[in-house]
Amino acid sequence: RYAEVLRGKTSGRDVLTGKTIRLGEELG
Protein backbone atom coordinates (compact mmCIF):
# COMPACT_ATOMS: atom_id res chain seq x y z
CA ARG A 1 0.00 0.00 0.00
CA TYR A 2 3.04 2.30 0.30
CA ALA A 3 4.51 1.44 -3.13
CA GLU A 4 4.03 4.99 -4.45
CA VAL A 5 5.97 6.46 -1.52
CA LEU A 6 8.70 3.79 -1.50
CA ARG A 7 9.21 4.08 -5.29
CA GLY A 8 10.69 0.61 -5.71
CA LYS A 9 13.28 0.99 -2.94
CA THR A 10 14.36 -2.31 -1.45
CA SER A 11 16.05 -0.95 1.67
CA GLY A 12 16.47 2.14 3.78
CA ARG A 13 18.75 3.27 6.60
CA ASP A 14 17.10 3.85 9.97
CA VAL A 15 18.52 7.23 11.01
CA LEU A 16 17.81 6.47 14.68
CA THR A 17 19.94 3.31 14.81
CA GLY A 18 22.05 3.44 11.65
CA LYS A 19 20.86 -0.05 10.68
CA THR A 20 19.83 -0.97 7.15
CA ILE A 21 16.19 -2.07 7.00
CA ARG A 22 15.12 -4.41 4.18
CA LEU A 23 11.85 -3.41 2.53
CA GLY A 24 10.22 -6.57 1.21
CA GLU A 25 6.54 -7.44 1.02
CA GLU A 26 6.10 -6.82 4.75
CA LEU A 27 7.97 -4.98 7.46
CA GLY A 28 7.92 -6.40 10.99
mmCIF file of all heavy atoms, coordinates in Angstrom:
data_MODEL
# 
_entry.id   MODEL 
# 
loop_
_atom_site.group_PDB 
_atom_site.id 
_atom_site.type_symbol 
_atom_site.label_atom_id 
_atom_site.label_alt_id 
_atom_site.label_comp_id 
_atom_site.label_asym_id 
_atom_site.label_entity_id 
_atom_site.label_seq_id 
_atom_site.pdbx_PDB_ins_code 
_atom_site.Cartn_x 
_atom_site.Cartn_y 
_atom_site.Cartn_z 
_atom_site.occupancy 
_atom_site.B_iso_or_equiv 
_atom_site.pdbx_formal_charge 
_atom_site.auth_seq_id 
_atom_site.auth_comp_id 
_atom_site.auth_asym_id 
_atom_site.auth_atom_id 
_atom_site.pdbx_PDB_model_num 
ATOM 1   N N   . ARG A 1 1  ? 0.812  -1.222  0.000  1.00 0.00 ? 1  ARG A N   1 
ATOM 2   C CA  . ARG A 1 1  ? 0.000  0.000   0.000  1.00 0.00 ? 1  ARG A CA  1 
ATOM 3   C C   . ARG A 1 1  ? 0.846  1.273   0.000  1.00 0.00 ? 1  ARG A C   1 
ATOM 4   O O   . ARG A 1 1  ? 0.340  2.352   -0.247 1.00 0.00 ? 1  ARG A O   1 
ATOM 5   C CB  . ARG A 1 1  ? -0.974 0.002   1.168  1.00 0.00 ? 1  ARG A CB  1 
ATOM 6   C CG  . ARG A 1 1  ? -0.295 0.147   2.518  1.00 0.00 ? 1  ARG A CG  1 
ATOM 7   C CD  . ARG A 1 1  ? -1.259 0.275   3.651  1.00 0.00 ? 1  ARG A CD  1 
ATOM 8   N NE  . ARG A 1 1  ? -1.939 -0.991  3.864  1.00 0.00 ? 1  ARG A NE  1 
ATOM 9   C CZ  . ARG A 1 1  ? -2.747 -1.229  4.870  1.00 0.00 ? 1  ARG A CZ  1 
ATOM 10  N NH1 . ARG A 1 1  ? -3.005 -0.315  5.739  1.00 0.00 ? 1  ARG A NH1 1 
ATOM 11  N NH2 . ARG A 1 1  ? -3.297 -2.404  5.004  1.00 0.00 ? 1  ARG A NH2 1 
ATOM 12  N N   . TYR A 1 2  ? 2.144  1.138   0.273  1.00 0.00 ? 2  TYR A N   1 
ATOM 13  C CA  . TYR A 1 2  ? 3.039  2.296   0.298  1.00 0.00 ? 2  TYR A CA  1 
ATOM 14  C C   . TYR A 1 2  ? 3.982  2.327   -0.905 1.00 0.00 ? 2  TYR A C   1 
ATOM 15  O O   . TYR A 1 2  ? 4.980  3.031   -0.905 1.00 0.00 ? 2  TYR A O   1 
ATOM 16  C CB  . TYR A 1 2  ? 3.855  2.291   1.591  1.00 0.00 ? 2  TYR A CB  1 
ATOM 17  C CG  . TYR A 1 2  ? 2.978  2.280   2.815  1.00 0.00 ? 2  TYR A CG  1 
ATOM 18  C CD1 . TYR A 1 2  ? 2.786  1.115   3.538  1.00 0.00 ? 2  TYR A CD1 1 
ATOM 19  C CD2 . TYR A 1 2  ? 2.312  3.427   3.234  1.00 0.00 ? 2  TYR A CD2 1 
ATOM 20  C CE1 . TYR A 1 2  ? 1.960  1.082   4.651  1.00 0.00 ? 2  TYR A CE1 1 
ATOM 21  C CE2 . TYR A 1 2  ? 1.475  3.406   4.335  1.00 0.00 ? 2  TYR A CE2 1 
ATOM 22  C CZ  . TYR A 1 2  ? 1.313  2.230   5.036  1.00 0.00 ? 2  TYR A CZ  1 
ATOM 23  O OH  . TYR A 1 2  ? 0.485  2.213   6.127  1.00 0.00 ? 2  TYR A OH  1 
ATOM 24  N N   . ALA A 1 3  ? 3.646  1.555   -1.950 1.00 0.00 ? 3  ALA A N   1 
ATOM 25  C CA  . ALA A 1 3  ? 4.514  1.440   -3.131 1.00 0.00 ? 3  ALA A CA  1 
ATOM 26  C C   . ALA A 1 3  ? 4.801  2.794   -3.773 1.00 0.00 ? 3  ALA A C   1 
ATOM 27  O O   . ALA A 1 3  ? 5.924  3.051   -4.208 1.00 0.00 ? 3  ALA A O   1 
ATOM 28  C CB  . ALA A 1 3  ? 3.883  0.494   -4.149 1.00 0.00 ? 3  ALA A CB  1 
ATOM 29  N N   . GLU A 1 4  ? 3.827  3.672   -3.831 1.00 0.00 ? 4  GLU A N   1 
ATOM 30  C CA  . GLU A 1 4  ? 4.027  4.990   -4.445 1.00 0.00 ? 4  GLU A CA  1 
ATOM 31  C C   . GLU A 1 4  ? 5.050  5.814   -3.673 1.00 0.00 ? 4  GLU A C   1 
ATOM 32  O O   . GLU A 1 4  ? 5.874  6.513   -4.249 1.00 0.00 ? 4  GLU A O   1 
ATOM 33  C CB  . GLU A 1 4  ? 2.700  5.746   -4.520 1.00 0.00 ? 4  GLU A CB  1 
ATOM 34  C CG  . GLU A 1 4  ? 2.810  7.069   -5.247 1.00 0.00 ? 4  GLU A CG  1 
ATOM 35  C CD  . GLU A 1 4  ? 1.473  7.765   -5.394 1.00 0.00 ? 4  GLU A CD  1 
ATOM 36  O OE1 . GLU A 1 4  ? 0.415  7.106   -5.318 1.00 0.00 ? 4  GLU A OE1 1 
ATOM 37  O OE2 . GLU A 1 4  ? 1.492  8.993   -5.579 1.00 0.00 ? 4  GLU A OE2 1 
ATOM 38  N N   . VAL A 1 5  ? 5.032  5.711   -2.367 1.00 0.00 ? 5  VAL A N   1 
ATOM 39  C CA  . VAL A 1 5  ? 5.972  6.457   -1.523 1.00 0.00 ? 5  VAL A CA  1 
ATOM 40  C C   . VAL A 1 5  ? 7.363  5.824   -1.564 1.00 0.00 ? 5  VAL A C   1 
ATOM 41  O O   . VAL A 1 5  ? 8.371  6.523   -1.649 1.00 0.00 ? 5  VAL A O   1 
ATOM 42  C CB  . VAL A 1 5  ? 5.463  6.509   -0.064 1.00 0.00 ? 5  VAL A CB  1 
ATOM 43  C CG1 . VAL A 1 5  ? 6.478  7.154   0.854  1.00 0.00 ? 5  VAL A CG1 1 
ATOM 44  C CG2 . VAL A 1 5  ? 4.133  7.244   0.004  1.00 0.00 ? 5  VAL A CG2 1 
ATOM 45  N N   . LEU A 1 6  ? 7.418  4.500   -1.531 1.00 0.00 ? 6  LEU A N   1 
ATOM 46  C CA  . LEU A 1 6  ? 8.703  3.793   -1.498 1.00 0.00 ? 6  LEU A CA  1 
ATOM 47  C C   . LEU A 1 6  ? 9.408  3.774   -2.857 1.00 0.00 ? 6  LEU A C   1 
ATOM 48  O O   . LEU A 1 6  ? 10.619 3.597   -2.915 1.00 0.00 ? 6  LEU A O   1 
ATOM 49  C CB  . LEU A 1 6  ? 8.505  2.368   -0.990 1.00 0.00 ? 6  LEU A CB  1 
ATOM 50  C CG  . LEU A 1 6  ? 7.994  2.271   0.447  1.00 0.00 ? 6  LEU A CG  1 
ATOM 51  C CD1 . LEU A 1 6  ? 7.723  0.818   0.817  1.00 0.00 ? 6  LEU A CD1 1 
ATOM 52  C CD2 . LEU A 1 6  ? 8.970  2.905   1.413  1.00 0.00 ? 6  LEU A CD2 1 
ATOM 53  N N   . ARG A 1 7  ? 8.656  3.956   -3.931 1.00 0.00 ? 7  ARG A N   1 
ATOM 54  C CA  . ARG A 1 7  ? 9.207  4.078   -5.293 1.00 0.00 ? 7  ARG A CA  1 
ATOM 55  C C   . ARG A 1 7  ? 10.199 2.976   -5.648 1.00 0.00 ? 7  ARG A C   1 
ATOM 56  O O   . ARG A 1 7  ? 11.271 3.236   -6.175 1.00 0.00 ? 7  ARG A O   1 
ATOM 57  C CB  . ARG A 1 7  ? 9.873  5.433   -5.477 1.00 0.00 ? 7  ARG A CB  1 
ATOM 58  C CG  . ARG A 1 7  ? 8.929  6.584   -5.341 1.00 0.00 ? 7  ARG A CG  1 
ATOM 59  C CD  . ARG A 1 7  ? 9.642  7.878   -5.551 1.00 0.00 ? 7  ARG A CD  1 
ATOM 60  N NE  . ARG A 1 7  ? 8.773  8.967   -5.134 1.00 0.00 ? 7  ARG A NE  1 
ATOM 61  C CZ  . ARG A 1 7  ? 9.192  10.126  -4.731 1.00 0.00 ? 7  ARG A CZ  1 
ATOM 62  N NH1 . ARG A 1 7  ? 10.471 10.390  -4.692 1.00 0.00 ? 7  ARG A NH1 1 
ATOM 63  N NH2 . ARG A 1 7  ? 8.344  11.057  -4.369 1.00 0.00 ? 7  ARG A NH2 1 
ATOM 64  N N   . GLY A 1 8  ? 9.847  1.743   -5.326 1.00 0.00 ? 8  GLY A N   1 
ATOM 65  C CA  . GLY A 1 8  ? 10.691 0.612   -5.708 1.00 0.00 ? 8  GLY A CA  1 
ATOM 66  C C   . GLY A 1 8  ? 11.942 0.409   -4.866 1.00 0.00 ? 8  GLY A C   1 
ATOM 67  O O   . GLY A 1 8  ? 12.757 -0.453  -5.174 1.00 0.00 ? 8  GLY A O   1 
ATOM 68  N N   . LYS A 1 9  ? 12.109 1.170   -3.809 1.00 0.00 ? 9  LYS A N   1 
ATOM 69  C CA  . LYS A 1 9  ? 13.285 0.994   -2.941 1.00 0.00 ? 9  LYS A CA  1 
ATOM 70  C C   . LYS A 1 9  ? 13.201 -0.355  -2.249 1.00 0.00 ? 9  LYS A C   1 
ATOM 71  O O   . LYS A 1 9  ? 12.137 -0.796  -1.849 1.00 0.00 ? 9  LYS A O   1 
ATOM 72  C CB  . LYS A 1 9  ? 13.366 2.103   -1.883 1.00 0.00 ? 9  LYS A CB  1 
ATOM 73  C CG  . LYS A 1 9  ? 13.391 3.507   -2.445 1.00 0.00 ? 9  LYS A CG  1 
ATOM 74  C CD  . LYS A 1 9  ? 14.691 3.778   -3.138 1.00 0.00 ? 9  LYS A CD  1 
ATOM 75  C CE  . LYS A 1 9  ? 14.720 5.242   -3.536 1.00 0.00 ? 9  LYS A CE  1 
ATOM 76  N NZ  . LYS A 1 9  ? 15.674 5.606   -4.487 1.00 0.00 ? 9  LYS A NZ  1 
ATOM 77  N N   . THR A 1 10 ? 14.332 -0.998  -2.095 1.00 0.00 ? 10 THR A N   1 
ATOM 78  C CA  . THR A 1 10 ? 14.362 -2.310  -1.450 1.00 0.00 ? 10 THR A CA  1 
ATOM 79  C C   . THR A 1 10 ? 14.967 -2.259  -0.049 1.00 0.00 ? 10 THR A C   1 
ATOM 80  O O   . THR A 1 10 ? 14.946 -3.242  0.672  1.00 0.00 ? 10 THR A O   1 
ATOM 81  C CB  . THR A 1 10 ? 15.156 -3.312  -2.298 1.00 0.00 ? 10 THR A CB  1 
ATOM 82  O OG1 . THR A 1 10 ? 16.472 -2.794  -2.501 1.00 0.00 ? 10 THR A OG1 1 
ATOM 83  C CG2 . THR A 1 10 ? 14.480 -3.539  -3.655 1.00 0.00 ? 10 THR A CG2 1 
ATOM 84  N N   . SER A 1 11 ? 15.508 -1.110  0.322  1.00 0.00 ? 11 SER A N   1 
ATOM 85  C CA  . SER A 1 11 ? 16.052 -0.955  1.672  1.00 0.00 ? 11 SER A CA  1 
ATOM 86  C C   . SER A 1 11 ? 16.139 0.522   2.011  1.00 0.00 ? 11 SER A C   1 
ATOM 87  O O   . SER A 1 11 ? 16.058 1.390   1.148  1.00 0.00 ? 11 SER A O   1 
ATOM 88  C CB  . SER A 1 11 ? 17.435 -1.601  1.791  1.00 0.00 ? 11 SER A CB  1 
ATOM 89  O OG  . SER A 1 11 ? 18.367 -0.895  1.004  1.00 0.00 ? 11 SER A OG  1 
ATOM 90  N N   . GLY A 1 12 ? 16.288 0.777   3.281  1.00 0.00 ? 12 GLY A N   1 
ATOM 91  C CA  . GLY A 1 12 ? 16.471 2.138   3.779  1.00 0.00 ? 12 GLY A CA  1 
ATOM 92  C C   . GLY A 1 12 ? 17.317 2.089   5.034  1.00 0.00 ? 12 GLY A C   1 
ATOM 93  O O   . GLY A 1 12 ? 17.440 1.041   5.677  1.00 0.00 ? 12 GLY A O   1 
ATOM 94  N N   . ARG A 1 13 ? 17.930 3.210   5.385  1.00 0.00 ? 13 ARG A N   1 
ATOM 95  C CA  . ARG A 1 13 ? 18.750 3.273   6.598  1.00 0.00 ? 13 ARG A CA  1 
ATOM 96  C C   . ARG A 1 13 ? 17.940 3.951   7.690  1.00 0.00 ? 13 ARG A C   1 
ATOM 97  O O   . ARG A 1 13 ? 17.441 5.064   7.515  1.00 0.00 ? 13 ARG A O   1 
ATOM 98  C CB  . ARG A 1 13 ? 20.031 4.072   6.339  1.00 0.00 ? 13 ARG A CB  1 
ATOM 99  C CG  . ARG A 1 13 ? 20.992 4.053   7.539  1.00 0.00 ? 13 ARG A CG  1 
ATOM 100 C CD  . ARG A 1 13 ? 22.253 4.831   7.247  1.00 0.00 ? 13 ARG A CD  1 
ATOM 101 N NE  . ARG A 1 13 ? 22.001 6.261   7.150  1.00 0.00 ? 13 ARG A NE  1 
ATOM 102 C CZ  . ARG A 1 13 ? 21.950 7.102   8.185  1.00 0.00 ? 13 ARG A CZ  1 
ATOM 103 N NH1 . ARG A 1 13 ? 22.132 6.667   9.396  1.00 0.00 ? 13 ARG A NH1 1 
ATOM 104 N NH2 . ARG A 1 13 ? 21.719 8.381   7.991  1.00 0.00 ? 13 ARG A NH2 1 
ATOM 105 N N   . ASP A 1 14 ? 17.800 3.272   8.827  1.00 0.00 ? 14 ASP A N   1 
ATOM 106 C CA  . ASP A 1 14 ? 17.102 3.852   9.972  1.00 0.00 ? 14 ASP A CA  1 
ATOM 107 C C   . ASP A 1 14 ? 18.026 4.903   10.590 1.00 0.00 ? 14 ASP A C   1 
ATOM 108 O O   . ASP A 1 14 ? 19.088 4.567   11.110 1.00 0.00 ? 14 ASP A O   1 
ATOM 109 C CB  . ASP A 1 14 ? 16.754 2.766   10.993 1.00 0.00 ? 14 ASP A CB  1 
ATOM 110 C CG  . ASP A 1 14 ? 15.955 3.279   12.167 1.00 0.00 ? 14 ASP A CG  1 
ATOM 111 O OD1 . ASP A 1 14 ? 15.708 4.494   12.255 1.00 0.00 ? 14 ASP A OD1 1 
ATOM 112 O OD2 . ASP A 1 14 ? 15.581 2.458   13.021 1.00 0.00 ? 14 ASP A OD2 1 
ATOM 113 N N   . VAL A 1 15 ? 17.644 6.162   10.516 1.00 0.00 ? 15 VAL A N   1 
ATOM 114 C CA  . VAL A 1 15 ? 18.517 7.228   11.015 1.00 0.00 ? 15 VAL A CA  1 
ATOM 115 C C   . VAL A 1 15 ? 18.642 7.215   12.533 1.00 0.00 ? 15 VAL A C   1 
ATOM 116 O O   . VAL A 1 15 ? 19.574 7.796   13.083 1.00 0.00 ? 15 VAL A O   1 
ATOM 117 C CB  . VAL A 1 15 ? 18.079 8.629   10.521 1.00 0.00 ? 15 VAL A CB  1 
ATOM 118 C CG1 . VAL A 1 15 ? 18.121 8.705   9.009  1.00 0.00 ? 15 VAL A CG1 1 
ATOM 119 C CG2 . VAL A 1 15 ? 16.701 8.988   11.025 1.00 0.00 ? 15 VAL A CG2 1 
ATOM 120 N N   . LEU A 1 16 ? 17.737 6.539   13.225 1.00 0.00 ? 16 LEU A N   1 
ATOM 121 C CA  . LEU A 1 16 ? 17.808 6.466   14.682 1.00 0.00 ? 16 LEU A CA  1 
ATOM 122 C C   . LEU A 1 16 ? 18.846 5.455   15.165 1.00 0.00 ? 16 LEU A C   1 
ATOM 123 O O   . LEU A 1 16 ? 19.479 5.659   16.196 1.00 0.00 ? 16 LEU A O   1 
ATOM 124 C CB  . LEU A 1 16 ? 16.436 6.108   15.266 1.00 0.00 ? 16 LEU A CB  1 
ATOM 125 C CG  . LEU A 1 16 ? 15.298 7.082   14.924 1.00 0.00 ? 16 LEU A CG  1 
ATOM 126 C CD1 . LEU A 1 16 ? 13.974 6.556   15.467 1.00 0.00 ? 16 LEU A CD1 1 
ATOM 127 C CD2 . LEU A 1 16 ? 15.594 8.457   15.475 1.00 0.00 ? 16 LEU A CD2 1 
ATOM 128 N N   . THR A 1 17 ? 19.020 4.362   14.392 1.00 0.00 ? 17 THR A N   1 
ATOM 129 C CA  . THR A 1 17 ? 19.941 3.309   14.814 1.00 0.00 ? 17 THR A CA  1 
ATOM 130 C C   . THR A 1 17 ? 21.124 3.120   13.865 1.00 0.00 ? 17 THR A C   1 
ATOM 131 O O   . THR A 1 17 ? 22.108 2.490   14.234 1.00 0.00 ? 17 THR A O   1 
ATOM 132 C CB  . THR A 1 17 ? 19.207 1.952   14.911 1.00 0.00 ? 17 THR A CB  1 
ATOM 133 O OG1 . THR A 1 17 ? 18.761 1.578   13.597 1.00 0.00 ? 17 THR A OG1 1 
ATOM 134 C CG2 . THR A 1 17 ? 18.035 2.020   15.870 1.00 0.00 ? 17 THR A CG2 1 
ATOM 135 N N   . GLY A 1 18 ? 21.003 3.623   12.644 1.00 0.00 ? 18 GLY A N   1 
ATOM 136 C CA  . GLY A 1 18 ? 22.047 3.443   11.646 1.00 0.00 ? 18 GLY A CA  1 
ATOM 137 C C   . GLY A 1 18 ? 21.964 2.107   10.928 1.00 0.00 ? 18 GLY A C   1 
ATOM 138 O O   . GLY A 1 18 ? 22.754 1.826   10.031 1.00 0.00 ? 18 GLY A O   1 
ATOM 139 N N   . LYS A 1 19 ? 21.002 1.265   11.296 1.00 0.00 ? 19 LYS A N   1 
ATOM 140 C CA  . LYS A 1 19 ? 20.857 -0.055  10.679 1.00 0.00 ? 19 LYS A CA  1 
ATOM 141 C C   . LYS A 1 19 ? 20.146 0.042   9.329  1.00 0.00 ? 19 LYS A C   1 
ATOM 142 O O   . LYS A 1 19 ? 19.286 0.895   9.133  1.00 0.00 ? 19 LYS A O   1 
ATOM 143 C CB  . LYS A 1 19 ? 20.047 -0.987  11.577 1.00 0.00 ? 19 LYS A CB  1 
ATOM 144 C CG  . LYS A 1 19 ? 20.743 -1.330  12.870 1.00 0.00 ? 19 LYS A CG  1 
ATOM 145 C CD  . LYS A 1 19 ? 19.889 -2.269  13.695 1.00 0.00 ? 19 LYS A CD  1 
ATOM 146 C CE  . LYS A 1 19 ? 20.589 -2.602  15.003 1.00 0.00 ? 19 LYS A CE  1 
ATOM 147 N NZ  . LYS A 1 19 ? 19.774 -3.497  15.834 1.00 0.00 ? 19 LYS A NZ  1 
ATOM 148 N N   . THR A 1 20 ? 20.514 -0.868  8.425  1.00 0.00 ? 20 THR A N   1 
ATOM 149 C CA  . THR A 1 20 ? 19.832 -0.966  7.146  1.00 0.00 ? 20 THR A CA  1 
ATOM 150 C C   . THR A 1 20 ? 18.608 -1.854  7.318  1.00 0.00 ? 20 THR A C   1 
ATOM 151 O O   . THR A 1 20 ? 18.700 -2.958  7.849  1.00 0.00 ? 20 THR A O   1 
ATOM 152 C CB  . THR A 1 20 ? 20.764 -1.555  6.073  1.00 0.00 ? 20 THR A CB  1 
ATOM 153 O OG1 . THR A 1 20 ? 21.874 -0.669  5.918  1.00 0.00 ? 20 THR A OG1 1 
ATOM 154 C CG2 . THR A 1 20 ? 20.054 -1.693  4.737  1.00 0.00 ? 20 THR A CG2 1 
ATOM 155 N N   . ILE A 1 21 ? 17.461 -1.366  6.873  1.00 0.00 ? 21 ILE A N   1 
ATOM 156 C CA  . ILE A 1 21 ? 16.193 -2.074  6.996  1.00 0.00 ? 21 ILE A CA  1 
ATOM 157 C C   . ILE A 1 21 ? 15.776 -2.546  5.611  1.00 0.00 ? 21 ILE A C   1 
ATOM 158 O O   . ILE A 1 21 ? 15.664 -1.740  4.680  1.00 0.00 ? 21 ILE A O   1 
ATOM 159 C CB  . ILE A 1 21 ? 15.098 -1.158  7.593  1.00 0.00 ? 21 ILE A CB  1 
ATOM 160 C CG1 . ILE A 1 21 ? 15.551 -0.541  8.923  1.00 0.00 ? 21 ILE A CG1 1 
ATOM 161 C CG2 . ILE A 1 21 ? 13.784 -1.900  7.731  1.00 0.00 ? 21 ILE A CG2 1 
ATOM 162 C CD1 . ILE A 1 21 ? 15.851 -1.537  10.013 1.00 0.00 ? 21 ILE A CD1 1 
ATOM 163 N N   . ARG A 1 22 ? 15.564 -3.848  5.461  1.00 0.00 ? 22 ARG A N   1 
ATOM 164 C CA  . ARG A 1 22 ? 15.121 -4.406  4.183  1.00 0.00 ? 22 ARG A CA  1 
ATOM 165 C C   . ARG A 1 22 ? 13.628 -4.158  4.005  1.00 0.00 ? 22 ARG A C   1 
ATOM 166 O O   . ARG A 1 22 ? 12.838 -4.382  4.919  1.00 0.00 ? 22 ARG A O   1 
ATOM 167 C CB  . ARG A 1 22 ? 15.406 -5.905  4.141  1.00 0.00 ? 22 ARG A CB  1 
ATOM 168 C CG  . ARG A 1 22 ? 15.212 -6.507  2.762  1.00 0.00 ? 22 ARG A CG  1 
ATOM 169 C CD  . ARG A 1 22 ? 15.501 -7.984  2.740  1.00 0.00 ? 22 ARG A CD  1 
ATOM 170 N NE  . ARG A 1 22 ? 14.466 -8.781  3.394  1.00 0.00 ? 22 ARG A NE  1 
ATOM 171 C CZ  . ARG A 1 22 ? 13.278 -9.059  2.863  1.00 0.00 ? 22 ARG A CZ  1 
ATOM 172 N NH1 . ARG A 1 22 ? 12.964 -8.594  1.675  1.00 0.00 ? 22 ARG A NH1 1 
ATOM 173 N NH2 . ARG A 1 22 ? 12.409 -9.800  3.510  1.00 0.00 ? 22 ARG A NH2 1 
ATOM 174 N N   . LEU A 1 23 ? 13.246 -3.695  2.838  1.00 0.00 ? 23 LEU A N   1 
ATOM 175 C CA  . LEU A 1 23 ? 11.852 -3.408  2.527  1.00 0.00 ? 23 LEU A CA  1 
ATOM 176 C C   . LEU A 1 23 ? 11.348 -4.449  1.529  1.00 0.00 ? 23 LEU A C   1 
ATOM 177 O O   . LEU A 1 23 ? 11.506 -4.298  0.328  1.00 0.00 ? 23 LEU A O   1 
ATOM 178 C CB  . LEU A 1 23 ? 11.716 -1.997  1.950  1.00 0.00 ? 23 LEU A CB  1 
ATOM 179 C CG  . LEU A 1 23 ? 12.240 -0.876  2.845  1.00 0.00 ? 23 LEU A CG  1 
ATOM 180 C CD1 . LEU A 1 23 ? 12.244 0.444   2.102  1.00 0.00 ? 23 LEU A CD1 1 
ATOM 181 C CD2 . LEU A 1 23 ? 11.431 -0.782  4.123  1.00 0.00 ? 23 LEU A CD2 1 
ATOM 182 N N   . GLY A 1 24 ? 10.763 -5.509  2.047  1.00 0.00 ? 24 GLY A N   1 
ATOM 183 C CA  . GLY A 1 24 ? 10.225 -6.574  1.206  1.00 0.00 ? 24 GLY A CA  1 
ATOM 184 C C   . GLY A 1 24 ? 8.726  -6.392  1.060  1.00 0.00 ? 24 GLY A C   1 
ATOM 185 O O   . GLY A 1 24 ? 8.217  -5.279  0.948  1.00 0.00 ? 24 GLY A O   1 
ATOM 186 N N   . GLU A 1 25 ? 8.001  -7.494  1.102  1.00 0.00 ? 25 GLU A N   1 
ATOM 187 C CA  . GLU A 1 25 ? 6.541  -7.439  1.016  1.00 0.00 ? 25 GLU A CA  1 
ATOM 188 C C   . GLU A 1 25 ? 5.931  -6.920  2.314  1.00 0.00 ? 25 GLU A C   1 
ATOM 189 O O   . GLU A 1 25 ? 4.892  -6.264  2.299  1.00 0.00 ? 25 GLU A O   1 
ATOM 190 C CB  . GLU A 1 25 ? 5.977  -8.810  0.672  1.00 0.00 ? 25 GLU A CB  1 
ATOM 191 C CG  . GLU A 1 25 ? 6.314  -9.252  -0.736 1.00 0.00 ? 25 GLU A CG  1 
ATOM 192 C CD  . GLU A 1 25 ? 5.704  -10.598 -1.064 1.00 0.00 ? 25 GLU A CD  1 
ATOM 193 O OE1 . GLU A 1 25 ? 4.722  -10.998 -0.412 1.00 0.00 ? 25 GLU A OE1 1 
ATOM 194 O OE2 . GLU A 1 25 ? 6.224  -11.242 -1.980 1.00 0.00 ? 25 GLU A OE2 1 
ATOM 195 N N   . GLU A 1 26 ? 6.579  -7.258  3.438  1.00 0.00 ? 26 GLU A N   1 
ATOM 196 C CA  . GLU A 1 26 ? 6.099  -6.816  4.750  1.00 0.00 ? 26 GLU A CA  1 
ATOM 197 C C   . GLU A 1 26 ? 7.275  -6.320  5.580  1.00 0.00 ? 26 GLU A C   1 
ATOM 198 O O   . GLU A 1 26 ? 8.423  -6.700  5.343  1.00 0.00 ? 26 GLU A O   1 
ATOM 199 C CB  . GLU A 1 26 ? 5.428  -7.963  5.509  1.00 0.00 ? 26 GLU A CB  1 
ATOM 200 C CG  . GLU A 1 26 ? 4.138  -8.433  4.917  1.00 0.00 ? 26 GLU A CG  1 
ATOM 201 C CD  . GLU A 1 26 ? 3.464  -9.492  5.786  1.00 0.00 ? 26 GLU A CD  1 
ATOM 202 O OE1 . GLU A 1 26 ? 4.166  -10.180 6.553  1.00 0.00 ? 26 GLU A OE1 1 
ATOM 203 O OE2 . GLU A 1 26 ? 2.239  -9.613  5.681  1.00 0.00 ? 26 GLU A OE2 1 
ATOM 204 N N   . LEU A 1 27 ? 6.961  -5.479  6.542  1.00 0.00 ? 27 LEU A N   1 
ATOM 205 C CA  . LEU A 1 27 ? 7.975  -4.982  7.464  1.00 0.00 ? 27 LEU A CA  1 
ATOM 206 C C   . LEU A 1 27 ? 7.506  -5.271  8.876  1.00 0.00 ? 27 LEU A C   1 
ATOM 207 O O   . LEU A 1 27 ? 6.453  -4.783  9.305  1.00 0.00 ? 27 LEU A O   1 
ATOM 208 C CB  . LEU A 1 27 ? 8.177  -3.472  7.277  1.00 0.00 ? 27 LEU A CB  1 
ATOM 209 C CG  . LEU A 1 27 ? 9.163  -2.796  8.219  1.00 0.00 ? 27 LEU A CG  1 
ATOM 210 C CD1 . LEU A 1 27 ? 10.565 -3.365  8.011  1.00 0.00 ? 27 LEU A CD1 1 
ATOM 211 C CD2 . LEU A 1 27 ? 9.170  -1.301  7.997  1.00 0.00 ? 27 LEU A CD2 1 
ATOM 212 N N   . GLY A 1 28 ? 8.256  -6.087  9.599  1.00 0.00 ? 28 GLY A N   1 
ATOM 213 C CA  . GLY A 1 28 ? 7.924  -6.399  10.989 1.00 0.00 ? 28 GLY A CA  1 
ATOM 214 C C   . GLY A 1 28 ? 8.284  -5.224  11.883 1.00 0.00 ? 28 GLY A C   1 
ATOM 215 O O   . GLY A 1 28 ? 9.376  -4.676  11.784 1.00 0.00 ? 28 GLY A O   1 
# 
